[in-house]
């Protein structure tokens, strides 16, 4: 139970940046993002993704656009903004530094 709680807390803390990392490779629609994140074990279902995308849009990290596909319902595609790109770069620097510090502590505690 403890490992799952730790993993859940860590996933919650980095999920926004995982979405930005996926979008840094090109725009994606919501279900496409949800499938990728679910496959990677970062979310349990797509239901937790859409409120996050709404907050990210409000904070100027992503920009949505509608695309009317000829084979069904219109899809909302998300693209990373310049602000989102800056946030992802900052996160990458912090993650690298923090990860190294945590790894050093864990290795020293053995």
N, C-alpha and C. Protein backbone atom coordinates (compact mmCIF):
# COMPACT_ATOMS: atom_id res chain seq x y z
N UNK A 1 0.83 -1.20 0.00
CA UNK A 1 0.00 0.00 0.00
C UNK A 1 0.87 1.26 0.00
N UNK A 2 1.95 1.25 0.72
CA UNK A 2 2.81 2.42 0.81
C UNK A 2 3.43 2.76 -0.54
N UNK A 3 3.91 1.76 -1.28
CA UNK A 3 4.52 2.01 -2.58
C UNK A 3 3.52 2.64 -3.54
N UNK A 4 2.29 2.16 -3.53
CA UNK A 4 1.28 2.71 -4.43
C UNK A 4 0.96 4.16 -4.06
N UNK A 5 0.89 4.47 -2.78
CA UNK A 5 0.62 5.85 -2.34
C UNK A 5 1.75 6.78 -2.78
N UNK A 6 2.98 6.33 -2.63
CA UNK A 6 4.13 7.13 -3.05
C UNK A 6 4.07 7.36 -4.56
N UNK A 7 3.82 6.29 -5.31
CA UNK A 7 3.75 6.40 -6.77
C UNK A 7 2.63 7.35 -7.20
N UNK A 8 1.48 7.26 -6.55
CA UNK A 8 0.35 8.13 -6.87
C UNK A 8 0.71 9.59 -6.63
N UNK A 9 1.33 9.89 -5.51
CA UNK A 9 1.72 11.26 -5.19
C UNK A 9 2.74 11.80 -6.18
N UNK A 10 3.70 10.96 -6.55
CA UNK A 10 4.70 11.40 -7.54
C UNK A 10 4.06 11.65 -8.89
N UNK A 11 3.17 10.75 -9.32
CA UNK A 11 2.49 10.94 -10.61
C UNK A 11 1.70 12.23 -10.64
N UNK A 12 0.99 12.52 -9.55
CA UNK A 12 0.20 13.76 -9.49
C UNK A 12 1.09 14.98 -9.64
N UNK A 13 2.28 14.92 -9.06
CA UNK A 13 3.18 16.05 -9.11
C UNK A 13 3.81 16.31 -10.46
N UNK A 14 3.92 15.28 -11.28
CA UNK A 14 4.62 15.45 -12.56
C UNK A 14 3.71 15.31 -13.78
N UNK A 15 2.45 15.00 -13.58
CA UNK A 15 1.56 14.72 -14.72
C UNK A 15 1.47 15.89 -15.70
N UNK A 16 1.36 17.10 -15.18
CA UNK A 16 1.28 18.27 -16.06
C UNK A 16 2.50 18.35 -16.98
N UNK A 17 3.66 18.06 -16.44
CA UNK A 17 4.89 18.14 -17.23
C UNK A 17 5.01 16.98 -18.20
N UNK A 18 4.43 15.84 -17.84
CA UNK A 18 4.39 14.72 -18.78
C UNK A 18 3.51 15.06 -19.98
N UNK A 19 2.40 15.74 -19.74
CA UNK A 19 1.53 16.19 -20.84
C UNK A 19 2.29 17.17 -21.72
N UNK A 20 2.98 18.13 -21.10
CA UNK A 20 3.76 19.09 -21.88
C UNK A 20 4.83 18.39 -22.70
N UNK A 21 5.48 17.39 -22.12
CA UNK A 21 6.52 16.65 -22.84
C UNK A 21 5.93 15.94 -24.06
N UNK A 22 4.76 15.33 -23.91
CA UNK A 22 4.12 14.68 -25.05
C UNK A 22 3.76 15.70 -26.13
N UNK A 23 3.26 16.86 -25.72
CA UNK A 23 2.86 17.88 -26.68
C UNK A 23 4.05 18.58 -27.32
N UNK A 24 5.21 18.48 -26.70
CA UNK A 24 6.40 19.11 -27.28
C UNK A 24 6.80 18.42 -28.58
N UNK A 25 6.26 17.24 -28.83
CA UNK A 25 6.55 16.50 -30.06
C UNK A 25 5.48 16.71 -31.13
N UNK A 26 4.46 17.49 -30.80
CA UNK A 26 3.40 17.77 -31.75
C UNK A 26 2.05 17.72 -31.07
N UNK A 27 1.07 18.37 -31.68
CA UNK A 27 -0.25 18.43 -31.07
C UNK A 27 -0.90 17.05 -31.05
N UNK A 28 -1.77 16.86 -30.06
CA UNK A 28 -2.51 15.60 -29.91
C UNK A 28 -3.91 15.93 -29.42
N UNK A 29 -4.85 15.04 -29.72
CA UNK A 29 -6.19 15.23 -29.19
C UNK A 29 -6.31 14.53 -27.84
N UNK A 30 -7.33 14.88 -27.08
CA UNK A 30 -7.45 14.43 -25.70
C UNK A 30 -7.35 12.93 -25.50
N UNK A 31 -8.10 12.16 -26.28
CA UNK A 31 -8.09 10.71 -26.11
C UNK A 31 -6.72 10.12 -26.45
N UNK A 32 -6.06 10.71 -27.42
CA UNK A 32 -4.71 10.28 -27.79
C UNK A 32 -3.74 10.49 -26.61
N UNK A 33 -3.84 11.65 -25.97
CA UNK A 33 -3.03 11.92 -24.77
C UNK A 33 -3.36 10.93 -23.66
N UNK A 34 -4.65 10.72 -23.44
CA UNK A 34 -5.09 9.82 -22.37
C UNK A 34 -4.58 8.41 -22.61
N UNK A 35 -4.67 7.93 -23.84
CA UNK A 35 -4.19 6.58 -24.15
C UNK A 35 -2.70 6.45 -23.89
N UNK A 36 -1.93 7.46 -24.31
CA UNK A 36 -0.49 7.42 -24.11
C UNK A 36 -0.14 7.43 -22.62
N UNK A 37 -0.79 8.30 -21.86
CA UNK A 37 -0.52 8.39 -20.43
C UNK A 37 -0.97 7.13 -19.68
N UNK A 38 -2.09 6.55 -20.10
CA UNK A 38 -2.57 5.32 -19.48
C UNK A 38 -1.61 4.17 -19.76
N UNK A 39 -1.16 4.06 -21.00
CA UNK A 39 -0.21 3.01 -21.37
C UNK A 39 1.07 3.11 -20.54
N UNK A 40 1.49 4.32 -20.25
CA UNK A 40 2.71 4.53 -19.46
C UNK A 40 2.46 4.41 -17.96
N UNK A 41 1.22 4.18 -17.55
CA UNK A 41 0.90 4.04 -16.14
C UNK A 41 0.88 5.35 -15.38
N UNK A 42 0.68 6.46 -16.09
CA UNK A 42 0.70 7.77 -15.44
C UNK A 42 -0.68 8.25 -15.02
N UNK A 43 -1.73 7.72 -15.65
CA UNK A 43 -3.10 7.99 -15.22
C UNK A 43 -3.87 6.68 -15.29
N UNK A 44 -4.94 6.59 -14.49
CA UNK A 44 -5.75 5.38 -14.49
C UNK A 44 -6.83 5.43 -15.57
N UNK A 45 -7.33 6.65 -15.86
CA UNK A 45 -8.38 6.79 -16.87
C UNK A 45 -8.34 8.19 -17.45
N UNK A 46 -9.02 8.36 -18.56
CA UNK A 46 -9.02 9.66 -19.22
C UNK A 46 -9.77 10.72 -18.41
N UNK A 47 -10.62 10.29 -17.49
CA UNK A 47 -11.39 11.23 -16.69
C UNK A 47 -10.55 12.20 -15.88
N UNK A 48 -9.37 11.77 -15.49
CA UNK A 48 -8.49 12.65 -14.70
C UNK A 48 -7.70 13.62 -15.57
N UNK A 49 -7.67 13.37 -16.87
CA UNK A 49 -6.87 14.21 -17.77
C UNK A 49 -7.58 15.51 -18.14
N UNK A 50 -8.87 15.46 -18.40
CA UNK A 50 -9.56 16.64 -18.93
C UNK A 50 -9.60 17.82 -17.96
N UNK A 51 -9.81 17.61 -16.67
CA UNK A 51 -9.70 18.77 -15.75
C UNK A 51 -8.29 19.36 -15.75
N UNK A 52 -7.27 18.51 -15.86
CA UNK A 52 -5.89 18.99 -15.93
C UNK A 52 -5.68 19.82 -17.19
N UNK A 53 -6.16 19.35 -18.34
CA UNK A 53 -6.03 20.10 -19.58
C UNK A 53 -6.73 21.45 -19.50
N UNK A 54 -7.88 21.49 -18.82
CA UNK A 54 -8.60 22.76 -18.65
C UNK A 54 -7.76 23.74 -17.82
N UNK A 55 -7.16 23.25 -16.73
CA UNK A 55 -6.30 24.12 -15.92
C UNK A 55 -5.07 24.57 -16.70
N UNK A 56 -4.50 23.67 -17.47
CA UNK A 56 -3.34 24.02 -18.28
C UNK A 56 -3.69 25.07 -19.32
N UNK A 57 -4.88 24.98 -19.89
CA UNK A 57 -5.35 25.98 -20.86
C UNK A 57 -5.52 27.33 -20.16
N UNK A 58 -6.14 27.32 -18.98
CA UNK A 58 -6.35 28.56 -18.23
C UNK A 58 -5.02 29.22 -17.85
N UNK A 59 -4.00 28.40 -17.63
CA UNK A 59 -2.68 28.93 -17.25
C UNK A 59 -1.80 29.25 -18.45
N UNK A 60 -2.35 29.08 -19.65
CA UNK A 60 -1.62 29.44 -20.86
C UNK A 60 -0.54 28.47 -21.28
N UNK A 61 -0.61 27.23 -20.78
CA UNK A 61 0.41 26.23 -21.10
C UNK A 61 0.10 25.46 -22.38
N UNK A 62 -1.19 25.32 -22.68
CA UNK A 62 -1.62 24.63 -23.89
C UNK A 62 -2.67 25.47 -24.59
N UNK A 63 -2.77 25.25 -25.89
CA UNK A 63 -3.75 25.95 -26.72
C UNK A 63 -4.59 24.90 -27.43
N UNK A 64 -5.90 24.86 -27.17
CA UNK A 64 -6.74 23.90 -27.88
C UNK A 64 -7.26 24.44 -29.21
N UNK A 65 -7.57 23.54 -30.11
CA UNK A 65 -8.25 23.91 -31.35
C UNK A 65 -9.14 22.75 -31.75
N UNK A 66 -10.26 23.07 -32.35
CA UNK A 66 -11.19 22.04 -32.82
C UNK A 66 -10.87 21.69 -34.26
N UNK A 67 -10.97 20.41 -34.57
CA UNK A 67 -10.79 19.96 -35.95
C UNK A 67 -11.95 19.04 -36.29
N UNK A 68 -12.72 19.45 -37.28
CA UNK A 68 -13.85 18.64 -37.70
C UNK A 68 -13.35 17.54 -38.62
N UNK A 69 -13.36 16.32 -38.09
CA UNK A 69 -12.93 15.20 -38.92
C UNK A 69 -14.10 14.75 -39.78
N UNK A 70 -13.80 14.24 -40.93
CA UNK A 70 -14.85 13.80 -41.83
C UNK A 70 -15.46 12.47 -41.44
N UNK A 71 -14.91 11.82 -40.42
CA UNK A 71 -15.37 10.47 -40.06
C UNK A 71 -15.93 10.41 -38.65
N UNK A 72 -16.50 11.46 -38.16
CA UNK A 72 -17.08 11.40 -36.83
C UNK A 72 -17.14 12.77 -36.18
N UNK A 73 -17.13 12.74 -34.85
CA UNK A 73 -17.22 13.97 -34.08
C UNK A 73 -15.96 14.81 -34.23
N UNK A 74 -16.12 16.13 -34.08
CA UNK A 74 -14.93 16.99 -34.09
C UNK A 74 -14.03 16.65 -32.90
N UNK A 75 -12.74 16.79 -33.09
CA UNK A 75 -11.78 16.51 -32.03
C UNK A 75 -11.13 17.81 -31.58
N UNK A 76 -10.86 17.88 -30.27
CA UNK A 76 -10.13 19.02 -29.73
C UNK A 76 -8.67 18.62 -29.62
N UNK A 77 -7.86 19.30 -30.39
CA UNK A 77 -6.41 19.06 -30.37
C UNK A 77 -5.76 20.07 -29.44
N UNK A 78 -4.70 19.64 -28.77
CA UNK A 78 -3.96 20.51 -27.86
C UNK A 78 -2.54 20.66 -28.37
N UNK A 79 -2.03 21.89 -28.28
CA UNK A 79 -0.64 22.18 -28.65
C UNK A 79 0.01 22.92 -27.48
N UNK A 80 1.29 22.69 -27.31
CA UNK A 80 2.03 23.39 -26.26
C UNK A 80 2.27 24.84 -26.71
N UNK A 81 2.16 25.77 -25.77
CA UNK A 81 2.41 27.19 -26.08
C UNK A 81 3.86 27.53 -25.74
N UNK A 82 4.24 28.75 -26.03
CA UNK A 82 5.59 29.20 -25.66
C UNK A 82 5.76 29.18 -24.14
N UNK A 83 4.72 29.56 -23.42
CA UNK A 83 4.77 29.52 -21.95
C UNK A 83 4.93 28.07 -21.49
N UNK A 84 4.20 27.16 -22.11
CA UNK A 84 4.31 25.74 -21.77
C UNK A 84 5.71 25.20 -22.06
N UNK A 85 6.30 25.62 -23.17
CA UNK A 85 7.65 25.19 -23.52
C UNK A 85 8.65 25.69 -22.48
N UNK A 86 8.49 26.93 -22.05
CA UNK A 86 9.37 27.48 -21.01
C UNK A 86 9.22 26.71 -19.70
N UNK A 87 7.98 26.39 -19.34
CA UNK A 87 7.73 25.62 -18.11
C UNK A 87 8.35 24.23 -18.20
N UNK A 88 8.25 23.60 -19.36
CA UNK A 88 8.81 22.26 -19.54
C UNK A 88 10.33 22.29 -19.42
N UNK A 89 10.96 23.31 -19.99
CA UNK A 89 12.41 23.45 -19.88
C UNK A 89 12.83 23.64 -18.43
N UNK A 90 12.10 24.47 -17.71
CA UNK A 90 12.41 24.70 -16.29
C UNK A 90 12.23 23.42 -15.49
N UNK A 91 11.15 22.69 -15.77
CA UNK A 91 10.92 21.43 -15.08
C UNK A 91 12.04 20.44 -15.35
N UNK A 92 12.49 20.36 -16.59
CA UNK A 92 13.56 19.41 -16.95
C UNK A 92 14.83 19.70 -16.15
N UNK A 93 15.14 20.97 -15.98
CA UNK A 93 16.32 21.34 -15.20
C UNK A 93 16.15 20.96 -13.74
N UNK A 94 14.99 21.27 -13.18
CA UNK A 94 14.73 20.95 -11.78
C UNK A 94 14.71 19.43 -11.58
N UNK A 95 14.05 18.72 -12.48
CA UNK A 95 13.93 17.26 -12.37
C UNK A 95 15.31 16.61 -12.40
N UNK A 96 16.17 17.05 -13.30
CA UNK A 96 17.52 16.49 -13.41
C UNK A 96 18.30 16.72 -12.12
N UNK A 97 18.26 17.93 -11.61
CA UNK A 97 18.98 18.26 -10.39
C UNK A 97 18.40 17.54 -9.18
N UNK A 98 17.09 17.60 -9.04
CA UNK A 98 16.43 16.97 -7.90
C UNK A 98 16.62 15.46 -7.92
N UNK A 99 16.47 14.86 -9.10
CA UNK A 99 16.65 13.41 -9.23
C UNK A 99 18.06 12.99 -8.82
N UNK A 100 19.04 13.76 -9.23
CA UNK A 100 20.43 13.45 -8.88
C UNK A 100 20.62 13.55 -7.37
N UNK A 101 20.03 14.56 -6.75
CA UNK A 101 20.16 14.73 -5.31
C UNK A 101 19.48 13.59 -4.55
N UNK A 102 18.29 13.21 -4.98
CA UNK A 102 17.57 12.12 -4.32
C UNK A 102 18.33 10.80 -4.51
N UNK A 103 18.81 10.55 -5.73
CA UNK A 103 19.57 9.33 -5.98
C UNK A 103 20.82 9.27 -5.10
N UNK A 104 21.50 10.39 -4.95
CA UNK A 104 22.70 10.41 -4.10
C UNK A 104 22.36 10.10 -2.66
N UNK A 105 21.25 10.63 -2.18
CA UNK A 105 20.82 10.33 -0.81
C UNK A 105 20.47 8.85 -0.64
N UNK A 106 19.72 8.32 -1.61
CA UNK A 106 19.32 6.92 -1.53
C UNK A 106 20.51 5.98 -1.60
N UNK A 107 21.45 6.29 -2.47
CA UNK A 107 22.64 5.45 -2.59
C UNK A 107 23.51 5.55 -1.35
N UNK A 108 23.54 6.70 -0.71
CA UNK A 108 24.31 6.89 0.51
C UNK A 108 23.68 6.23 1.72
N UNK A 109 22.38 5.95 1.63
CA UNK A 109 21.70 5.37 2.79
C UNK A 109 21.79 3.86 2.83
N UNK A 110 22.39 3.26 1.82
CA UNK A 110 22.48 1.79 1.78
C UNK A 110 23.53 1.28 2.67
